[in-house]
Amino acid sequence: MRDSDQAQKQKSPCSTGNIPVPEFITCRKCGAEAELWTDEEETLCPGCNHKVFKRESTVH
């Protein structure tokens, strides 16, 4: 493998392409706001301990 090919396969340590960020979604059970990171699929509601799923947060 050439040096240039290997360099292209390595990611820069400063790359910010996939850094998780928090999203806030409303619990369907109690209405409290729950924090769900972009790399997570579910979290627990801080108000009622109900599981809140990312796919439930679709806005119509």
C-alpha atoms as a PDB file:
ATOM      1  CA  MET A   1       0.000   0.000   0.000  1.00  0.00           C
ATOM      2  CA  ARG A   2       1.328   3.413  -0.884  1.00  0.00           C
ATOM      3  CA  ASP A   3       1.786   6.103   1.755  1.00  0.00           C
ATOM      4  CA  SER A   4      -0.859   8.314   0.142  1.00  0.00           C
ATOM      5  CA  ASP A   5      -3.427   5.472   0.212  1.00  0.00           C
ATOM      6  CA  GLN A   6      -2.748   4.806   3.871  1.00  0.00           C
ATOM      7  CA  ALA A   7      -3.010   8.501   4.734  1.00  0.00           C
ATOM      8  CA  GLN A   8      -6.435   8.690   3.079  1.00  0.00           C
ATOM      9  CA  LYS A   9      -7.728   5.788   5.182  1.00  0.00           C
ATOM     10  CA  GLN A  10      -6.682   7.395   8.468  1.00  0.00           C
ATOM     11  CA  LYS A  11      -9.017   9.975   9.928  1.00  0.00           C
ATOM     12  CA  SER A  12      -7.738  13.232  11.254  1.00  0.00           C
ATOM     13  CA  PRO A  13      -7.845  13.444  15.071  1.00  0.00           C
ATOM     14  CA  CYS A  14      -9.574  16.790  14.608  1.00  0.00           C
ATOM     15  CA  SER A  15     -12.403  15.307  12.543  1.00  0.00           C
ATOM     16  CA  THR A  16     -15.827  16.358  13.869  1.00  0.00           C
ATOM     17  CA  GLY A  17     -17.981  14.342  11.483  1.00  0.00           C
ATOM     18  CA  ASN A  18     -19.732  12.062  13.977  1.00  0.00           C
ATOM     19  CA  ILE A  19     -19.593  13.722  17.367  1.00  0.00           C
ATOM     20  CA  PRO A  20     -22.792  12.941  19.303  1.00  0.00           C
ATOM     21  CA  VAL A  21     -24.908  15.897  20.366  1.00  0.00           C
ATOM     22  CA  PRO A  22     -27.909  16.006  22.704  1.00  0.00           C
ATOM     23  CA  GLU A  23     -31.454  16.274  21.418  1.00  0.00           C
ATOM     24  CA  PHE A  24     -34.408  17.006  23.666  1.00  0.00           C
ATOM     25  CA  ILE A  25     -37.633  15.125  23.110  1.00  0.00           C
ATOM     26  CA  THR A  26     -40.925  15.103  24.987  1.00  0.00           C
ATOM     27  CA  CYS A  27     -41.978  12.004  26.899  1.00  0.00           C
ATOM     28  CA  ARG A  28     -45.326  10.748  25.612  1.00  0.00           C
ATOM     29  CA  LYS A  29     -46.288   9.440  29.030  1.00  0.00           C
ATOM     30  CA  CYS A  30     -45.742  12.462  31.309  1.00  0.00           C
ATOM     31  CA  GLY A  31     -44.715  15.330  29.014  1.00  0.00           C
ATOM     32  CA  ALA A  32     -41.298  15.897  30.592  1.00  0.00           C
ATOM     33  CA  GLU A  33     -38.333  16.759  28.405  1.00  0.00           C
ATOM     34  CA  ALA A  34     -35.800  13.945  28.015  1.00  0.00           C
ATOM     35  CA  GLU A  35     -32.245  14.261  26.716  1.00  0.00           C
ATOM     36  CA  LEU A  36     -31.354  11.782  23.970  1.00  0.00           C
ATOM     37  CA  TRP A  37     -27.916  11.827  22.347  1.00  0.00           C
ATOM     38  CA  THR A  38     -27.750  11.422  18.570  1.00  0.00           C
ATOM     39  CA  ASP A  39     -25.830   8.150  18.898  1.00  0.00           C
ATOM     40  CA  GLU A  40     -28.484   6.595  21.190  1.00  0.00           C
ATOM     41  CA  GLU A  41     -31.780   4.960  20.258  1.00  0.00           C
ATOM     42  CA  GLU A  42     -33.481   5.218  23.671  1.00  0.00           C
ATOM     43  CA  THR A  43     -33.228   6.875  27.070  1.00  0.00           C
ATOM     44  CA  LEU A  44     -35.201   7.050  30.307  1.00  0.00           C
ATOM     45  CA  CYS A  45     -37.491   9.971  31.044  1.00  0.00           C
ATOM     46  CA  PRO A  46     -36.275  11.942  34.069  1.00  0.00           C
ATOM     47  CA  GLY A  47     -39.887  12.607  35.110  1.00  0.00           C
ATOM     48  CA  CYS A  48     -41.467   9.145  35.106  1.00  0.00           C
ATOM     49  CA  ASN A  49     -38.642   6.718  34.213  1.00  0.00           C
ATOM     50  CA  HIS A  50     -40.519   5.659  31.051  1.00  0.00           C
ATOM     51  CA  LYS A  51     -38.357   4.500  28.127  1.00  0.00           C
ATOM     52  CA  VAL A  52     -38.343   7.155  25.411  1.00  0.00           C
ATOM     53  CA  PHE A  53     -37.285   6.088  21.910  1.00  0.00           C
ATOM     54  CA  LYS A  54     -35.790   8.177  19.123  1.00  0.00           C
ATOM     55  CA  ARG A  55     -38.258   6.814  16.574  1.00  0.00           C
ATOM     56  CA  GLU A  56     -41.161   8.085  18.730  1.00  0.00           C
ATOM     57  CA  SER A  57     -39.967  11.662  18.389  1.00  0.00           C
ATOM     58  CA  THR A  58     -41.082  12.033  14.757  1.00  0.00           C
ATOM     59  CA  VAL A  59     -42.798  15.366  14.201  1.00  0.00           C
ATOM     60  CA  HIS A  60     -45.838  15.266  11.925  1.00  0.00           C
END
